[in-house]
Structures are given as structure tokens and as C-alpha cells.
């Protein structure tokens, strides 16, 4: 989670810091909440 760490916590982000693309377990991607503010200057295409 690289985006607004504090804001995500306040909004109930349930993701773990480490859920890599080589972790296929489905539960790691279920209800993985996110906030992407693409206009804040810190959040981009990646």
C-alpha cells in the first residue's frame, strides 16, 4: 500500500503491507480496500 497510508487506515483499508504478485492465495486479494487519489502528486500510473 503506497498511497496515503494514514488515510487508508482511517478508511478501513484491510490490506497487509506485503501481498506480492507471487502470492496466489485468493484471500489476499479479497476485500483489499484501496484509495487512489490520482491528483495528489504522489499517486501515479504504477
ModelCIF file with pLDDT and N, C-alpha, C, O atoms, coordinates in Angstrom:
data_MODEL
#
_entry.id   MODEL 
#
_entity.id                         1 
_entity.type                       polymer 
_entity.pdbx_number_of_molecules   1 
#
_entity_poly.entity_id                      1 
_entity_poly.type                           'polypeptide(L)' 
_entity_poly.nstd_linkage                   no 
_entity_poly.nstd_monomer                   no 
_entity_poly.pdbx_seq_one_letter_code       
;(UNK)(UNK)(UNK)(UNK)(UNK)(UNK)(UNK)(UNK)(UNK)(UNK)(UNK)(UNK)(UNK)(UNK)(UNK)(UNK)
(UNK)(UNK)(UNK)(UNK)(UNK)(UNK)(UNK)(UNK)(UNK)(UNK)(UNK)(UNK)(UNK)(UNK)(UNK)(UNK)
(UNK)(UNK)(UNK)(UNK)(UNK)(UNK)(UNK)(UNK)(UNK)(UNK)(UNK)(UNK)(UNK)(UNK)
;
_entity_poly.pdbx_seq_one_letter_code_can   XXXXXXXXXXXXXXXXXXXXXXXXXXXXXXXXXXXXXXXXXXXXXX 
_entity_poly.pdbx_strand_id                 A 
#
loop_
_entity_poly_seq.entity_id 
_entity_poly_seq.num 
_entity_poly_seq.mon_id 
_entity_poly_seq.hetero 
1 1  UNK n 
1 2  UNK n 
1 3  UNK n 
1 4  UNK n 
1 5  UNK n 
1 6  UNK n 
1 7  UNK n 
1 8  UNK n 
1 9  UNK n 
1 10 UNK n 
1 11 UNK n 
1 12 UNK n 
1 13 UNK n 
1 14 UNK n 
1 15 UNK n 
1 16 UNK n 
1 17 UNK n 
1 18 UNK n 
1 19 UNK n 
1 20 UNK n 
1 21 UNK n 
1 22 UNK n 
1 23 UNK n 
1 24 UNK n 
1 25 UNK n 
1 26 UNK n 
1 27 UNK n 
1 28 UNK n 
1 29 UNK n 
1 30 UNK n 
1 31 UNK n 
1 32 UNK n 
1 33 UNK n 
1 34 UNK n 
1 35 UNK n 
1 36 UNK n 
1 37 UNK n 
1 38 UNK n 
1 39 UNK n 
1 40 UNK n 
1 41 UNK n 
1 42 UNK n 
1 43 UNK n 
1 44 UNK n 
1 45 UNK n 
1 46 UNK n 
#
_struct_asym.id          A 
_struct_asym.entity_id   1 
#
loop_
_ma_qa_metric.id 
_ma_qa_metric.mode 
_ma_qa_metric.name 
_ma_qa_metric.software_group_id 
_ma_qa_metric.type 
1 global pLDDT . pLDDT 
2 local  pLDDT . pLDDT 
#
_ma_qa_metric_global.metric_id      1 
_ma_qa_metric_global.metric_value   63.48 
_ma_qa_metric_global.model_id       1 
_ma_qa_metric_global.ordinal_id     1 
#
loop_
_ma_qa_metric_local.label_asym_id 
_ma_qa_metric_local.label_comp_id 
_ma_qa_metric_local.label_seq_id 
_ma_qa_metric_local.metric_id 
_ma_qa_metric_local.metric_value 
_ma_qa_metric_local.model_id 
_ma_qa_metric_local.ordinal_id 
A UNK 1  2 39.00 1 1  
A UNK 2  2 37.00 1 2  
A UNK 3  2 35.00 1 3  
A UNK 4  2 34.00 1 4  
A UNK 5  2 31.00 1 5  
A UNK 6  2 33.00 1 6  
A UNK 7  2 39.00 1 7  
A UNK 8  2 36.00 1 8  
A UNK 9  2 32.00 1 9  
A UNK 10 2 35.00 1 10 
A UNK 11 2 39.00 1 11 
A UNK 12 2 41.00 1 12 
A UNK 13 2 39.00 1 13 
A UNK 14 2 39.00 1 14 
A UNK 15 2 38.00 1 15 
A UNK 16 2 37.00 1 16 
A UNK 17 2 36.00 1 17 
A UNK 18 2 35.00 1 18 
A UNK 19 2 36.00 1 19 
A UNK 20 2 37.00 1 20 
A UNK 21 2 41.00 1 21 
A UNK 22 2 42.00 1 22 
A UNK 23 2 45.00 1 23 
A UNK 24 2 49.00 1 24 
A UNK 25 2 58.00 1 25 
A UNK 26 2 68.00 1 26 
A UNK 27 2 70.00 1 27 
A UNK 28 2 89.00 1 28 
A UNK 29 2 94.00 1 29 
A UNK 30 2 96.00 1 30 
A UNK 31 2 97.00 1 31 
A UNK 32 2 96.00 1 32 
A UNK 33 2 98.00 1 33 
A UNK 34 2 98.00 1 34 
A UNK 35 2 98.00 1 35 
A UNK 36 2 98.00 1 36 
A UNK 37 2 98.00 1 37 
A UNK 38 2 98.00 1 38 
A UNK 39 2 96.00 1 39 
A UNK 40 2 94.00 1 40 
A UNK 41 2 91.00 1 41 
A UNK 42 2 93.00 1 42 
A UNK 43 2 96.00 1 43 
A UNK 44 2 96.00 1 44 
A UNK 45 2 97.00 1 45 
A UNK 46 2 96.00 1 46 
#
loop_
_atom_site.group_PDB 
_atom_site.id 
_atom_site.type_symbol 
_atom_site.label_atom_id 
_atom_site.label_alt_id 
_atom_site.label_comp_id 
_atom_site.label_asym_id 
_atom_site.label_entity_id 
_atom_site.label_seq_id 
_atom_site.pdbx_PDB_ins_code 
_atom_site.Cartn_x 
_atom_site.Cartn_y 
_atom_site.Cartn_z 
_atom_site.occupancy 
_atom_site.B_iso_or_equiv 
_atom_site.pdbx_formal_charge 
_atom_site.auth_seq_id 
_atom_site.auth_comp_id 
_atom_site.auth_asym_id 
_atom_site.auth_atom_id 
_atom_site.pdbx_PDB_model_num 
ATOM 1   N N  . UNK A 1 1  ? 0.872   -1.181  0.000   1.00 39.00 ? 1  UNK A N  1 
ATOM 2   C CA . UNK A 1 1  ? 0.000   0.000   0.000   1.00 39.00 ? 1  UNK A CA 1 
ATOM 3   C C  . UNK A 1 1  ? 0.901   1.221   0.000   1.00 39.00 ? 1  UNK A C  1 
ATOM 4   O O  . UNK A 1 1  ? 1.519   1.534   1.018   1.00 39.00 ? 1  UNK A O  1 
ATOM 5   N N  . UNK A 1 2  ? 0.985   1.914   -1.126  1.00 37.00 ? 2  UNK A N  1 
ATOM 6   C CA . UNK A 1 2  ? 1.884   3.059   -1.248  1.00 37.00 ? 2  UNK A CA 1 
ATOM 7   C C  . UNK A 1 2  ? 1.136   4.376   -1.230  1.00 37.00 ? 2  UNK A C  1 
ATOM 8   O O  . UNK A 1 2  ? 1.740   5.435   -1.403  1.00 37.00 ? 2  UNK A O  1 
ATOM 9   N N  . UNK A 1 3  ? -0.162  4.324   -1.025  1.00 35.00 ? 3  UNK A N  1 
ATOM 10  C CA . UNK A 1 3  ? -0.962  5.533   -1.204  1.00 35.00 ? 3  UNK A CA 1 
ATOM 11  C C  . UNK A 1 3  ? -1.608  5.938   0.110   1.00 35.00 ? 3  UNK A C  1 
ATOM 12  O O  . UNK A 1 3  ? -2.365  5.179   0.714   1.00 35.00 ? 3  UNK A O  1 
ATOM 13  N N  . UNK A 1 4  ? -1.303  7.105   0.521   1.00 34.00 ? 4  UNK A N  1 
ATOM 14  C CA . UNK A 1 4  ? -1.971  7.692   1.674   1.00 34.00 ? 4  UNK A CA 1 
ATOM 15  C C  . UNK A 1 4  ? -2.149  6.695   2.809   1.00 34.00 ? 4  UNK A C  1 
ATOM 16  O O  . UNK A 1 4  ? -3.273  6.341   3.166   1.00 34.00 ? 4  UNK A O  1 
ATOM 17  N N  . UNK A 1 5  ? -1.054  6.253   3.362   1.00 31.00 ? 5  UNK A N  1 
ATOM 18  C CA . UNK A 1 5  ? -1.105  5.194   4.359   1.00 31.00 ? 5  UNK A CA 1 
ATOM 19  C C  . UNK A 1 5  ? -2.047  5.535   5.505   1.00 31.00 ? 5  UNK A C  1 
ATOM 20  O O  . UNK A 1 5  ? -2.862  4.707   5.913   1.00 31.00 ? 5  UNK A O  1 
ATOM 21  N N  . UNK A 1 6  ? -1.938  6.731   6.015   1.00 33.00 ? 6  UNK A N  1 
ATOM 22  C CA . UNK A 1 6  ? -2.795  7.115   7.126   1.00 33.00 ? 6  UNK A CA 1 
ATOM 23  C C  . UNK A 1 6  ? -4.238  7.163   6.712   1.00 33.00 ? 6  UNK A C  1 
ATOM 24  O O  . UNK A 1 6  ? -5.115  6.682   7.429   1.00 33.00 ? 6  UNK A O  1 
ATOM 25  N N  . UNK A 1 7  ? -4.499  7.760   5.520   1.00 39.00 ? 7  UNK A N  1 
ATOM 26  C CA . UNK A 1 7  ? -5.888  7.862   5.058   1.00 39.00 ? 7  UNK A CA 1 
ATOM 27  C C  . UNK A 1 7  ? -6.497  6.497   4.844   1.00 39.00 ? 7  UNK A C  1 
ATOM 28  O O  . UNK A 1 7  ? -7.679  6.294   5.120   1.00 39.00 ? 7  UNK A O  1 
ATOM 29  N N  . UNK A 1 8  ? -5.710  5.562   4.358   1.00 36.00 ? 8  UNK A N  1 
ATOM 30  C CA . UNK A 1 8  ? -6.246  4.222   4.116   1.00 36.00 ? 8  UNK A CA 1 
ATOM 31  C C  . UNK A 1 8  ? -6.631  3.560   5.431   1.00 36.00 ? 8  UNK A C  1 
ATOM 32  O O  . UNK A 1 8  ? -7.652  2.877   5.515   1.00 36.00 ? 8  UNK A O  1 
ATOM 33  N N  . UNK A 1 9  ? -5.803  3.767   6.465   1.00 32.00 ? 9  UNK A N  1 
ATOM 34  C CA . UNK A 1 9  ? -6.144  3.197   7.755   1.00 32.00 ? 9  UNK A CA 1 
ATOM 35  C C  . UNK A 1 9  ? -7.464  3.781   8.255   1.00 32.00 ? 9  UNK A C  1 
ATOM 36  O O  . UNK A 1 9  ? -8.336  3.052   8.729   1.00 32.00 ? 9  UNK A O  1 
ATOM 37  N N  . UNK A 1 10 ? -7.601  5.096   8.146   1.00 35.00 ? 10 UNK A N  1 
ATOM 38  C CA . UNK A 1 10 ? -8.833  5.746   8.594   1.00 35.00 ? 10 UNK A CA 1 
ATOM 39  C C  . UNK A 1 10 ? -10.041 5.247   7.836   1.00 35.00 ? 10 UNK A C  1 
ATOM 40  O O  . UNK A 1 10 ? -11.138 5.166   8.388   1.00 35.00 ? 10 UNK A O  1 
ATOM 41  N N  . UNK A 1 11 ? -9.847  4.913   6.580   1.00 39.00 ? 11 UNK A N  1 
ATOM 42  C CA . UNK A 1 11 ? -10.960 4.465   5.746   1.00 39.00 ? 11 UNK A CA 1 
ATOM 43  C C  . UNK A 1 11 ? -11.161 2.959   5.801   1.00 39.00 ? 11 UNK A C  1 
ATOM 44  O O  . UNK A 1 11 ? -12.027 2.424   5.109   1.00 39.00 ? 11 UNK A O  1 
ATOM 45  N N  . UNK A 1 12 ? -10.380 2.278   6.607   1.00 41.00 ? 12 UNK A N  1 
ATOM 46  C CA . UNK A 1 12 ? -10.625 0.868   6.791   1.00 41.00 ? 12 UNK A CA 1 
ATOM 47  C C  . UNK A 1 12 ? -9.900  -0.030  5.825   1.00 41.00 ? 12 UNK A C  1 
ATOM 48  O O  . UNK A 1 12 ? -10.389 -1.117  5.521   1.00 41.00 ? 12 UNK A O  1 
ATOM 49  N N  . UNK A 1 13 ? -8.770  0.376   5.338   1.00 39.00 ? 13 UNK A N  1 
ATOM 50  C CA . UNK A 1 13 ? -8.012  -0.492  4.423   1.00 39.00 ? 13 UNK A CA 1 
ATOM 51  C C  . UNK A 1 13 ? -7.649  -1.776  5.149   1.00 39.00 ? 13 UNK A C  1 
ATOM 52  O O  . UNK A 1 13 ? -7.058  -1.729  6.228   1.00 39.00 ? 13 UNK A O  1 
ATOM 53  N N  . UNK A 1 14 ? -7.995  -2.930  4.572   1.00 39.00 ? 14 UNK A N  1 
ATOM 54  C CA . UNK A 1 14 ? -7.774  -4.207  5.211   1.00 39.00 ? 14 UNK A CA 1 
ATOM 55  C C  . UNK A 1 14 ? -6.541  -4.931  4.667   1.00 39.00 ? 14 UNK A C  1 
ATOM 56  O O  . UNK A 1 14 ? -6.266  -6.060  5.074   1.00 39.00 ? 14 UNK A O  1 
ATOM 57  N N  . UNK A 1 15 ? -5.796  -4.302  3.755   1.00 38.00 ? 15 UNK A N  1 
ATOM 58  C CA . UNK A 1 15 ? -4.679  -4.998  3.127   1.00 38.00 ? 15 UNK A CA 1 
ATOM 59  C C  . UNK A 1 15 ? -3.498  -5.097  4.072   1.00 38.00 ? 15 UNK A C  1 
ATOM 60  O O  . UNK A 1 15 ? -3.323  -4.257  4.955   1.00 38.00 ? 15 UNK A O  1 
ATOM 61  N N  . UNK A 1 16 ? -2.684  -6.134  3.880   1.00 37.00 ? 16 UNK A N  1 
ATOM 62  C CA . UNK A 1 16 ? -1.420  -6.241  4.577   1.00 37.00 ? 16 UNK A CA 1 
ATOM 63  C C  . UNK A 1 16 ? -0.376  -5.454  3.820   1.00 37.00 ? 16 UNK A C  1 
ATOM 64  O O  . UNK A 1 16 ? -0.527  -5.193  2.627   1.00 37.00 ? 16 UNK A O  1 
ATOM 65  N N  . UNK A 1 17 ? 0.695   -5.071  4.520   1.00 36.00 ? 17 UNK A N  1 
ATOM 66  C CA . UNK A 1 17 ? 1.769   -4.379  3.838   1.00 36.00 ? 17 UNK A CA 1 
ATOM 67  C C  . UNK A 1 17 ? 2.360   -5.245  2.739   1.00 36.00 ? 17 UNK A C  1 
ATOM 68  O O  . UNK A 1 17 ? 2.782   -4.731  1.704   1.00 36.00 ? 17 UNK A O  1 
ATOM 69  N N  . UNK A 1 18 ? 2.393   -6.566  2.956   1.00 35.00 ? 18 UNK A N  1 
ATOM 70  C CA . UNK A 1 18 ? 3.061   -7.442  1.995   1.00 35.00 ? 18 UNK A CA 1 
ATOM 71  C C  . UNK A 1 18 ? 2.050   -8.405  1.383   1.00 35.00 ? 18 UNK A C  1 
ATOM 72  O O  . UNK A 1 18 ? 1.647   -9.373  2.029   1.00 35.00 ? 18 UNK A O  1 
ATOM 73  N N  . UNK A 1 19 ? 1.640   -8.150  0.151   1.00 36.00 ? 19 UNK A N  1 
ATOM 74  C CA . UNK A 1 19 ? 0.851   -9.099  -0.631  1.00 36.00 ? 19 UNK A CA 1 
ATOM 75  C C  . UNK A 1 19 ? 1.435   -9.066  -2.018  1.00 36.00 ? 19 UNK A C  1 
ATOM 76  O O  . UNK A 1 19 ? 1.007   -8.263  -2.846  1.00 36.00 ? 19 UNK A O  1 
ATOM 77  N N  . UNK A 1 20 ? 2.383   -9.901  -2.290  1.00 37.00 ? 20 UNK A N  1 
ATOM 78  C CA . UNK A 1 20 ? 3.151   -9.797  -3.513  1.00 37.00 ? 20 UNK A CA 1 
ATOM 79  C C  . UNK A 1 20 ? 2.497   -10.533 -4.650  1.00 37.00 ? 20 UNK A C  1 
ATOM 80  O O  . UNK A 1 20 ? 1.592   -11.340 -4.439  1.00 37.00 ? 20 UNK A O  1 
ATOM 81  N N  . UNK A 1 21 ? 2.955   -10.257 -5.871  1.00 41.00 ? 21 UNK A N  1 
ATOM 82  C CA . UNK A 1 21 ? 2.394   -10.883 -7.041  1.00 41.00 ? 21 UNK A CA 1 
ATOM 83  C C  . UNK A 1 21 ? 2.764   -12.354 -7.126  1.00 41.00 ? 21 UNK A C  1 
ATOM 84  O O  . UNK A 1 21 ? 2.230   -13.063 -7.979  1.00 41.00 ? 21 UNK A O  1 
ATOM 85  N N  . UNK A 1 22 ? 3.659   -12.839 -6.273  1.00 42.00 ? 22 UNK A N  1 
ATOM 86  C CA . UNK A 1 22 ? 3.932   -14.265 -6.268  1.00 42.00 ? 22 UNK A CA 1 
ATOM 87  C C  . UNK A 1 22 ? 3.219   -14.960 -5.109  1.00 42.00 ? 22 UNK A C  1 
ATOM 88  O O  . UNK A 1 22 ? 3.589   -16.068 -4.722  1.00 42.00 ? 22 UNK A O  1 
ATOM 89  N N  . UNK A 1 23 ? 2.191   -14.301 -4.555  1.00 45.00 ? 23 UNK A N  1 
ATOM 90  C CA . UNK A 1 23 ? 1.331   -14.911 -3.554  1.00 45.00 ? 23 UNK A CA 1 
ATOM 91  C C  . UNK A 1 23 ? -0.041  -15.128 -4.164  1.00 45.00 ? 23 UNK A C  1 
ATOM 92  O O  . UNK A 1 23 ? -0.842  -14.195 -4.216  1.00 45.00 ? 23 UNK A O  1 
ATOM 93  N N  . UNK A 1 24 ? -0.332  -16.340 -4.628  1.00 49.00 ? 24 UNK A N  1 
ATOM 94  C CA . UNK A 1 24 ? -1.561  -16.573 -5.364  1.00 49.00 ? 24 UNK A CA 1 
ATOM 95  C C  . UNK A 1 24 ? -2.792  -16.754 -4.502  1.00 49.00 ? 24 UNK A C  1 
ATOM 96  O O  . UNK A 1 24 ? -3.894  -16.825 -5.046  1.00 49.00 ? 24 UNK A O  1 
ATOM 97  N N  . UNK A 1 25 ? -2.663  -16.835 -3.162  1.00 58.00 ? 25 UNK A N  1 
ATOM 98  C CA . UNK A 1 25 ? -3.818  -17.121 -2.329  1.00 58.00 ? 25 UNK A CA 1 
ATOM 99  C C  . UNK A 1 25 ? -4.913  -16.085 -2.561  1.00 58.00 ? 25 UNK A C  1 
ATOM 100 O O  . UNK A 1 25 ? -4.676  -14.879 -2.501  1.00 58.00 ? 25 UNK A O  1 
ATOM 101 N N  . UNK A 1 26 ? -6.121  -16.590 -2.829  1.00 68.00 ? 26 UNK A N  1 
ATOM 102 C CA . UNK A 1 26 ? -7.206  -15.684 -3.191  1.00 68.00 ? 26 UNK A CA 1 
ATOM 103 C C  . UNK A 1 26 ? -7.583  -14.765 -2.046  1.00 68.00 ? 26 UNK A C  1 
ATOM 104 O O  . UNK A 1 26 ? -7.990  -13.627 -2.282  1.00 68.00 ? 26 UNK A O  1 
ATOM 105 N N  . UNK A 1 27 ? -7.456  -15.240 -0.787  1.00 70.00 ? 27 UNK A N  1 
ATOM 106 C CA . UNK A 1 27 ? -7.893  -14.405 0.325   1.00 70.00 ? 27 UNK A CA 1 
ATOM 107 C C  . UNK A 1 27 ? -7.071  -13.131 0.439   1.00 70.00 ? 27 UNK A C  1 
ATOM 108 O O  . UNK A 1 27 ? -7.535  -12.154 1.027   1.00 70.00 ? 27 UNK A O  1 
ATOM 109 N N  . UNK A 1 28 ? -5.846  -13.117 -0.114  1.00 89.00 ? 28 UNK A N  1 
ATOM 110 C CA . UNK A 1 28 ? -5.026  -11.922 -0.027  1.00 89.00 ? 28 UNK A CA 1 
ATOM 111 C C  . UNK A 1 28 ? -5.542  -10.812 -0.936  1.00 89.00 ? 28 UNK A C  1 
ATOM 112 O O  . UNK A 1 28 ? -5.132  -9.661  -0.791  1.00 89.00 ? 28 UNK A O  1 
ATOM 113 N N  . UNK A 1 29 ? -6.437  -11.140 -1.873  1.00 94.00 ? 29 UNK A N  1 
ATOM 114 C CA . UNK A 1 29 ? -6.978  -10.124 -2.768  1.00 94.00 ? 29 UNK A CA 1 
ATOM 115 C C  . UNK A 1 29 ? -8.481  -9.943  -2.592  1.00 94.00 ? 29 UNK A C  1 
ATOM 116 O O  . UNK A 1 29 ? -9.111  -9.213  -3.357  1.00 94.00 ? 29 UNK A O  1 
ATOM 117 N N  . UNK A 1 30 ? -9.051  -10.590 -1.605  1.00 96.00 ? 30 UNK A N  1 
ATOM 118 C CA . UNK A 1 30 ? -10.473 -10.403 -1.339  1.00 96.00 ? 30 UNK A CA 1 
ATOM 119 C C  . UNK A 1 30 ? -10.653 -9.236  -0.380  1.00 96.00 ? 30 UNK A C  1 
ATOM 120 O O  . UNK A 1 30 ? -10.005 -9.168  0.665   1.00 96.00 ? 30 UNK A O  1 
ATOM 121 N N  . UNK A 1 31 ? -11.555 -8.307  -0.755  1.00 97.00 ? 31 UNK A N  1 
ATOM 122 C CA . UNK A 1 31 ? -11.830 -7.134  0.080   1.00 97.00 ? 31 UNK A CA 1 
ATOM 123 C C  . UNK A 1 31 ? -10.555 -6.382  0.451   1.00 97.00 ? 31 UNK A C  1 
ATOM 124 O O  . UNK A 1 31 ? -10.377 -5.952  1.591   1.00 97.00 ? 31 UNK A O  1 
ATOM 125 N N  . UNK A 1 32 ? -9.685  -6.235  -0.524  1.00 96.00 ? 32 UNK A N  1 
ATOM 126 C CA . UNK A 1 32 ? -8.448  -5.466  -0.316  1.00 96.00 ? 32 UNK A CA 1 
ATOM 127 C C  . UNK A 1 32 ? -8.752  -4.013  -0.666  1.00 96.00 ? 32 UNK A C  1 
ATOM 128 O O  . UNK A 1 32 ? -8.556  -3.590  -1.806  1.00 96.00 ? 32 UNK A O  1 
ATOM 129 N N  . UNK A 1 33 ? -9.227  -3.256  0.310   1.00 98.00 ? 33 UNK A N  1 
ATOM 130 C CA . UNK A 1 33 ? -9.734  -1.913  0.061   1.00 98.00 ? 33 UNK A CA 1 
ATOM 131 C C  . UNK A 1 33 ? -8.611  -0.952  -0.321  1.00 98.00 ? 33 UNK A C  1 
ATOM 132 O O  . UNK A 1 33 ? -7.461  -1.128  0.081   1.00 98.00 ? 33 UNK A O  1 
ATOM 133 N N  . UNK A 1 34 ? -8.967  0.067   -1.104  1.00 98.00 ? 34 UNK A N  1 
ATOM 134 C CA . UNK A 1 34 ? -7.945  0.994   -1.580  1.00 98.00 ? 34 UNK A CA 1 
ATOM 135 C C  . UNK A 1 34 ? -8.521  2.384   -1.791  1.00 98.00 ? 34 UNK A C  1 
ATOM 136 O O  . UNK A 1 34 ? -9.727  2.557   -1.968  1.00 98.00 ? 34 UNK A O  1 
ATOM 137 N N  . UNK A 1 35 ? -7.636  3.368   -1.768  1.00 98.00 ? 35 UNK A N  1 
ATOM 138 C CA . UNK A 1 35 ? -7.945  4.756   -2.093  1.00 98.00 ? 35 UNK A CA 1 
ATOM 139 C C  . UNK A 1 35 ? -6.855  5.243   -3.029  1.00 98.00 ? 35 UNK A C  1 
ATOM 140 O O  . UNK A 1 35 ? -5.685  5.260   -2.649  1.00 98.00 ? 35 UNK A O  1 
ATOM 141 N N  . UNK A 1 36 ? -7.206  5.636   -4.234  1.00 98.00 ? 36 UNK A N  1 
ATOM 142 C CA . UNK A 1 36 ? -6.246  6.142   -5.214  1.00 98.00 ? 36 UNK A CA 1 
ATOM 143 C C  . UNK A 1 36 ? -6.646  7.562   -5.596  1.00 98.00 ? 36 UNK A C  1 
ATOM 144 O O  . UNK A 1 36 ? -7.572  7.767   -6.381  1.00 98.00 ? 36 UNK A O  1 
ATOM 145 N N  . UNK A 1 37 ? -5.947  8.529   -5.041  1.00 98.00 ? 37 UNK A N  1 
ATOM 146 C CA . UNK A 1 37 ? -6.165  9.933   -5.393  1.00 98.00 ? 37 UNK A CA 1 
ATOM 147 C C  . UNK A 1 37 ? -5.122  10.304  -6.438  1.00 98.00 ? 37 UNK A C  1 
ATOM 148 O O  . UNK A 1 37 ? -3.988  10.646  -6.101  1.00 98.00 ? 37 UNK A O  1 
ATOM 149 N N  . UNK A 1 38 ? -5.510  10.234  -7.701  1.00 98.00 ? 38 UNK A N  1 
ATOM 150 C CA . UNK A 1 38 ? -4.560  10.392  -8.795  1.00 98.00 ? 38 UNK A CA 1 
ATOM 151 C C  . UNK A 1 38 ? -4.135  11.841  -9.008  1.00 98.00 ? 38 UNK A C  1 
ATOM 152 O O  . UNK A 1 38 ? -3.272  12.107  -9.844  1.00 98.00 ? 38 UNK A O  1 
ATOM 153 N N  . UNK A 1 39 ? -4.717  12.777  -8.275  1.00 96.00 ? 39 UNK A N  1 
ATOM 154 C CA . UNK A 1 39 ? -4.410  14.195  -8.468  1.00 96.00 ? 39 UNK A CA 1 
ATOM 155 C C  . UNK A 1 39 ? -3.544  14.778  -7.352  1.00 96.00 ? 39 UNK A C  1 
ATOM 156 O O  . UNK A 1 39 ? -3.288  15.982  -7.334  1.00 96.00 ? 39 UNK A O  1 
ATOM 157 N N  . UNK A 1 40 ? -3.096  13.945  -6.431  1.00 94.00 ? 40 UNK A N  1 
ATOM 158 C CA . UNK A 1 40 ? -2.388  14.499  -5.277  1.00 94.00 ? 40 UNK A CA 1 
ATOM 159 C C  . UNK A 1 40 ? -0.901  14.708  -5.509  1.00 94.00 ? 40 UNK A C  1 
ATOM 160 O O  . UNK A 1 40 ? -0.208  15.245  -4.645  1.00 94.00 ? 40 UNK A O  1 
ATOM 161 N N  . UNK A 1 41 ? -0.400  14.288  -6.674  1.00 91.00 ? 41 UNK A N  1 
ATOM 162 C CA . UNK A 1 41 ? 1.005   14.476  -6.982  1.00 91.00 ? 41 UNK A CA 1 
ATOM 163 C C  . UNK A 1 41 ? 1.895   13.343  -6.529  1.00 91.00 ? 41 UNK A C  1 
ATOM 164 O O  . UNK A 1 41 ? 3.048   13.258  -6.952  1.00 91.00 ? 41 UNK A O  1 
ATOM 165 N N  . UNK A 1 42 ? 1.380   12.457  -5.665  1.00 93.00 ? 42 UNK A N  1 
ATOM 166 C CA . UNK A 1 42 ? 2.170   11.336  -5.159  1.00 93.00 ? 42 UNK A CA 1 
ATOM 167 C C  . UNK A 1 42 ? 1.706   9.991   -5.712  1.00 93.00 ? 42 UNK A C  1 
ATOM 168 O O  . UNK A 1 42 ? 2.418   8.996   -5.582  1.00 93.00 ? 42 UNK A O  1 
ATOM 169 N N  . UNK A 1 43 ? 0.546   9.949   -6.314  1.00 96.00 ? 43 UNK A N  1 
ATOM 170 C CA . UNK A 1 43 ? -0.039  8.701   -6.795  1.00 96.00 ? 43 UNK A CA 1 
ATOM 171 C C  . UNK A 1 43 ? -0.061  8.718   -8.315  1.00 96.00 ? 43 UNK A C  1 
ATOM 172 O O  . UNK A 1 43 ? -0.591  9.652   -8.918  1.00 96.00 ? 43 UNK A O  1 
ATOM 173 N N  . UNK A 1 44 ? 0.509   7.696   -8.935  1.00 96.00 ? 44 UNK A N  1 
ATOM 174 C CA . UNK A 1 44 ? 0.610   7.690   -10.389 1.00 96.00 ? 44 UNK A CA 1 
ATOM 175 C C  . UNK A 1 44 ? 0.209   6.371   -11.005 1.00 96.00 ? 44 UNK A C  1 
ATOM 176 O O  . UNK A 1 44 ? -0.469  5.556   -10.380 1.00 96.00 ? 44 UNK A O  1 
ATOM 177 N N  . UNK A 1 45 ? 0.635   6.169   -12.240 1.00 97.00 ? 45 UNK A N  1 
ATOM 178 C CA . UNK A 1 45 ? 0.244   5.002   -13.006 1.00 97.00 ? 45 UNK A CA 1 
ATOM 179 C C  . UNK A 1 45 ? 0.676   3.699   -12.331 1.00 97.00 ? 45 UNK A C  1 
ATOM 180 O O  . UNK A 1 45 ? -0.055  2.709   -12.364 1.00 97.00 ? 45 UNK A O  1 
ATOM 181 N N  . UNK A 1 46 ? 1.857   3.699   -11.722 1.00 96.00 ? 46 UNK A N  1 
ATOM 182 C CA . UNK A 1 46 ? 2.301   2.478   -11.057 1.00 96.00 ? 46 UNK A CA 1 
ATOM 183 C C  . UNK A 1 46 ? 1.364   2.103   -9.924  1.00 96.00 ? 46 UNK A C  1 
ATOM 184 O O  . UNK A 1 46 ? 1.583   1.097   -9.249  1.00 96.00 ? 46 UNK A O  1 
#
